[in-house]
């Protein structure tokens, strides 16, 4: 999940490599909706990430939409990073990393 607390926007992604051809937006919103997306993610121990640049690229996508090929690399970096650190520190919150470079 990618969040932008400063602007109160959030995008939640889902990816099952055995069933999906690309990560899919499963929730997006601003204000109270963003707050709820983040809260649900945290309650379910879904890693919450803060990357304002990636959020700016993901936020225009609609719920149910798969990410475009142009975002495959940064989202793959995000997922790999989260998988690695979730194994090491399951309760860690992430922030400040950029996946666009």
C-alpha atoms as a PDB file:
ATOM      1  CA  UNK A   1       0.000   0.000   0.000  1.00  0.00           C
ATOM      2  CA  UNK A   2       1.280   3.464  -0.816  1.00  0.00           C
ATOM      3  CA  UNK A   3       0.169   6.442   1.233  1.00  0.00           C
ATOM      4  CA  UNK A   4       0.691  10.154   1.158  1.00  0.00           C
ATOM      5  CA  UNK A   5      -0.156  11.523   4.583  1.00  0.00           C
ATOM      6  CA  UNK A   6       0.817  15.109   3.742  1.00  0.00           C
ATOM      7  CA  UNK A   7      -1.866  15.401   1.088  1.00  0.00           C
ATOM      8  CA  UNK A   8      -4.153  12.830   2.698  1.00  0.00           C
ATOM      9  CA  UNK A   9      -4.359  10.536  -0.306  1.00  0.00           C
ATOM     10  CA  UNK A  10      -3.896   6.786  -0.404  1.00  0.00           C
ATOM     11  CA  UNK A  11      -3.767   4.008  -2.973  1.00  0.00           C
ATOM     12  CA  UNK A  12      -3.951   0.319  -2.081  1.00  0.00           C
ATOM     13  CA  UNK A  13      -2.540  -2.247  -4.479  1.00  0.00           C
ATOM     14  CA  UNK A  14      -3.100  -5.980  -4.706  1.00  0.00           C
ATOM     15  CA  UNK A  15      -0.909  -8.395  -6.611  1.00  0.00           C
ATOM     16  CA  UNK A  16      -1.124 -12.156  -6.866  1.00  0.00           C
ATOM     17  CA  UNK A  17       1.435 -13.232  -9.443  1.00  0.00           C
ATOM     18  CA  UNK A  18      -0.332 -16.559 -10.003  1.00  0.00           C
ATOM     19  CA  UNK A  19      -3.671 -14.920 -10.816  1.00  0.00           C
ATOM     20  CA  UNK A  20      -2.959 -11.396 -12.070  1.00  0.00           C
ATOM     21  CA  UNK A  21      -0.870 -10.072 -14.938  1.00  0.00           C
ATOM     22  CA  UNK A  22      -0.043  -6.877 -12.990  1.00  0.00           C
ATOM     23  CA  UNK A  23      -0.720  -5.188  -9.654  1.00  0.00           C
ATOM     24  CA  UNK A  24      -4.245  -3.811  -9.374  1.00  0.00           C
ATOM     25  CA  UNK A  25      -5.637  -0.767  -7.585  1.00  0.00           C
ATOM     26  CA  UNK A  26      -8.111  -2.086  -5.026  1.00  0.00           C
ATOM     27  CA  UNK A  27      -8.767   1.169  -3.166  1.00  0.00           C
ATOM     28  CA  UNK A  28      -7.973   4.841  -3.626  1.00  0.00           C
ATOM     29  CA  UNK A  29      -9.187   8.005  -2.033  1.00  0.00           C
ATOM     30  CA  UNK A  30      -8.512  11.296  -0.344  1.00  0.00           C
ATOM     31  CA  UNK A  31      -9.365  12.751   3.055  1.00  0.00           C
ATOM     32  CA  UNK A  32     -11.441  10.439   5.238  1.00  0.00           C
ATOM     33  CA  UNK A  33     -11.393   7.702   2.600  1.00  0.00           C
ATOM     34  CA  UNK A  34      -7.589   7.757   2.603  1.00  0.00           C
ATOM     35  CA  UNK A  35      -7.568   7.678   6.393  1.00  0.00           C
ATOM     36  CA  UNK A  36      -9.840   4.602   6.323  1.00  0.00           C
ATOM     37  CA  UNK A  37      -7.714   2.851   3.678  1.00  0.00           C
ATOM     38  CA  UNK A  38      -4.622   3.374   5.830  1.00  0.00           C
ATOM     39  CA  UNK A  39      -6.421   2.260   9.004  1.00  0.00           C
ATOM     40  CA  UNK A  40      -7.729  -0.930   7.386  1.00  0.00           C
ATOM     41  CA  UNK A  41      -4.270  -1.685   6.034  1.00  0.00           C
ATOM     42  CA  UNK A  42      -2.638  -1.193   9.406  1.00  0.00           C
ATOM     43  CA  UNK A  43      -5.301  -3.266  11.181  1.00  0.00           C
ATOM     44  CA  UNK A  44      -4.644  -6.108   8.749  1.00  0.00           C
ATOM     45  CA  UNK A  45      -0.848  -5.758   9.040  1.00  0.00           C
ATOM     46  CA  UNK A  46      -0.528  -4.669   5.421  1.00  0.00           C
ATOM     47  CA  UNK A  47       2.712  -2.717   4.962  1.00  0.00           C
ATOM     48  CA  UNK A  48       2.045   0.996   4.608  1.00  0.00           C
ATOM     49  CA  UNK A  49       4.501   2.942   2.472  1.00  0.00           C
ATOM     50  CA  UNK A  50       4.997   6.672   1.998  1.00  0.00           C
ATOM     51  CA  UNK A  51       6.311   7.563  -1.479  1.00  0.00           C
ATOM     52  CA  UNK A  52       4.755  10.813  -2.689  1.00  0.00           C
ATOM     53  CA  UNK A  53       6.215  10.520  -6.200  1.00  0.00           C
ATOM     54  CA  UNK A  54       4.874   7.015  -6.767  1.00  0.00           C
ATOM     55  CA  UNK A  55       1.522   7.984  -5.274  1.00  0.00           C
ATOM     56  CA  UNK A  56       1.263  10.858  -7.752  1.00  0.00           C
ATOM     57  CA  UNK A  57       1.572   8.315 -10.573  1.00  0.00           C
ATOM     58  CA  UNK A  58      -0.776   5.732  -9.040  1.00  0.00           C
ATOM     59  CA  UNK A  59      -3.533   8.020  -7.781  1.00  0.00           C
ATOM     60  CA  UNK A  60      -5.053   8.825 -11.209  1.00  0.00           C
ATOM     61  CA  UNK A  61      -5.765   5.101 -11.719  1.00  0.00           C
ATOM     62  CA  UNK A  62      -9.313   3.959 -10.972  1.00  0.00           C
ATOM     63  CA  UNK A  63     -10.341   1.218  -8.546  1.00  0.00           C
ATOM     64  CA  UNK A  64     -10.028  -2.129 -10.291  1.00  0.00           C
ATOM     65  CA  UNK A  65      -7.538  -0.826 -12.848  1.00  0.00           C
ATOM     66  CA  UNK A  66      -4.251  -2.653 -13.381  1.00  0.00           C
ATOM     67  CA  UNK A  67      -1.125  -0.536 -13.271  1.00  0.00           C
ATOM     68  CA  UNK A  68       0.271   0.399 -16.692  1.00  0.00           C
ATOM     69  CA  UNK A  69       3.540  -1.090 -17.942  1.00  0.00           C
ATOM     70  CA  UNK A  70       5.252   2.245 -17.327  1.00  0.00           C
ATOM     71  CA  UNK A  71       4.833   1.629 -13.576  1.00  0.00           C
ATOM     72  CA  UNK A  72       5.912  -2.023 -13.519  1.00  0.00           C
ATOM     73  CA  UNK A  73       9.497  -1.290 -12.481  1.00  0.00           C
ATOM     74  CA  UNK A  74       8.832   1.155  -9.628  1.00  0.00           C
ATOM     75  CA  UNK A  75       5.980  -0.980  -8.271  1.00  0.00           C
ATOM     76  CA  UNK A  76       8.135  -4.130  -8.552  1.00  0.00           C
ATOM     77  CA  UNK A  77      10.843  -2.338  -6.561  1.00  0.00           C
ATOM     78  CA  UNK A  78       8.254  -1.350  -3.974  1.00  0.00           C
ATOM     79  CA  UNK A  79       6.905  -4.897  -3.653  1.00  0.00           C
ATOM     80  CA  UNK A  80      10.405  -6.396  -3.415  1.00  0.00           C
ATOM     81  CA  UNK A  81      11.408  -3.846  -0.785  1.00  0.00           C
ATOM     82  CA  UNK A  82       8.288  -4.501   1.278  1.00  0.00           C
ATOM     83  CA  UNK A  83       8.683  -8.281   1.018  1.00  0.00           C
ATOM     84  CA  UNK A  84      12.296  -8.122   2.163  1.00  0.00           C
ATOM     85  CA  UNK A  85      11.676  -5.846   5.103  1.00  0.00           C
ATOM     86  CA  UNK A  86       8.431  -7.495   6.143  1.00  0.00           C
ATOM     87  CA  UNK A  87      10.386 -10.714   6.675  1.00  0.00           C
ATOM     88  CA  UNK A  88      12.920  -8.872   8.813  1.00  0.00           C
ATOM     89  CA  UNK A  89      10.596  -6.508  10.698  1.00  0.00           C
ATOM     90  CA  UNK A  90       6.917  -7.473  10.429  1.00  0.00           C
ATOM     91  CA  UNK A  91       5.612  -4.465  12.371  1.00  0.00           C
ATOM     92  CA  UNK A  92       7.763  -1.820  10.641  1.00  0.00           C
ATOM     93  CA  UNK A  93       6.188   1.210   8.998  1.00  0.00           C
ATOM     94  CA  UNK A  94       7.987   2.518   5.952  1.00  0.00           C
ATOM     95  CA  UNK A  95       8.567   6.025   4.673  1.00  0.00           C
ATOM     96  CA  UNK A  96      10.847   8.236   2.694  1.00  0.00           C
ATOM     97  CA  UNK A  97      12.082   5.683   0.189  1.00  0.00           C
ATOM     98  CA  UNK A  98      11.669   6.430  -3.513  1.00  0.00           C
ATOM     99  CA  UNK A  99      11.086   3.723  -6.087  1.00  0.00           C
ATOM    100  CA  UNK A 100      11.196   5.857  -9.230  1.00  0.00           C
ATOM    101  CA  UNK A 101      14.968   5.926  -9.678  1.00  0.00           C
END
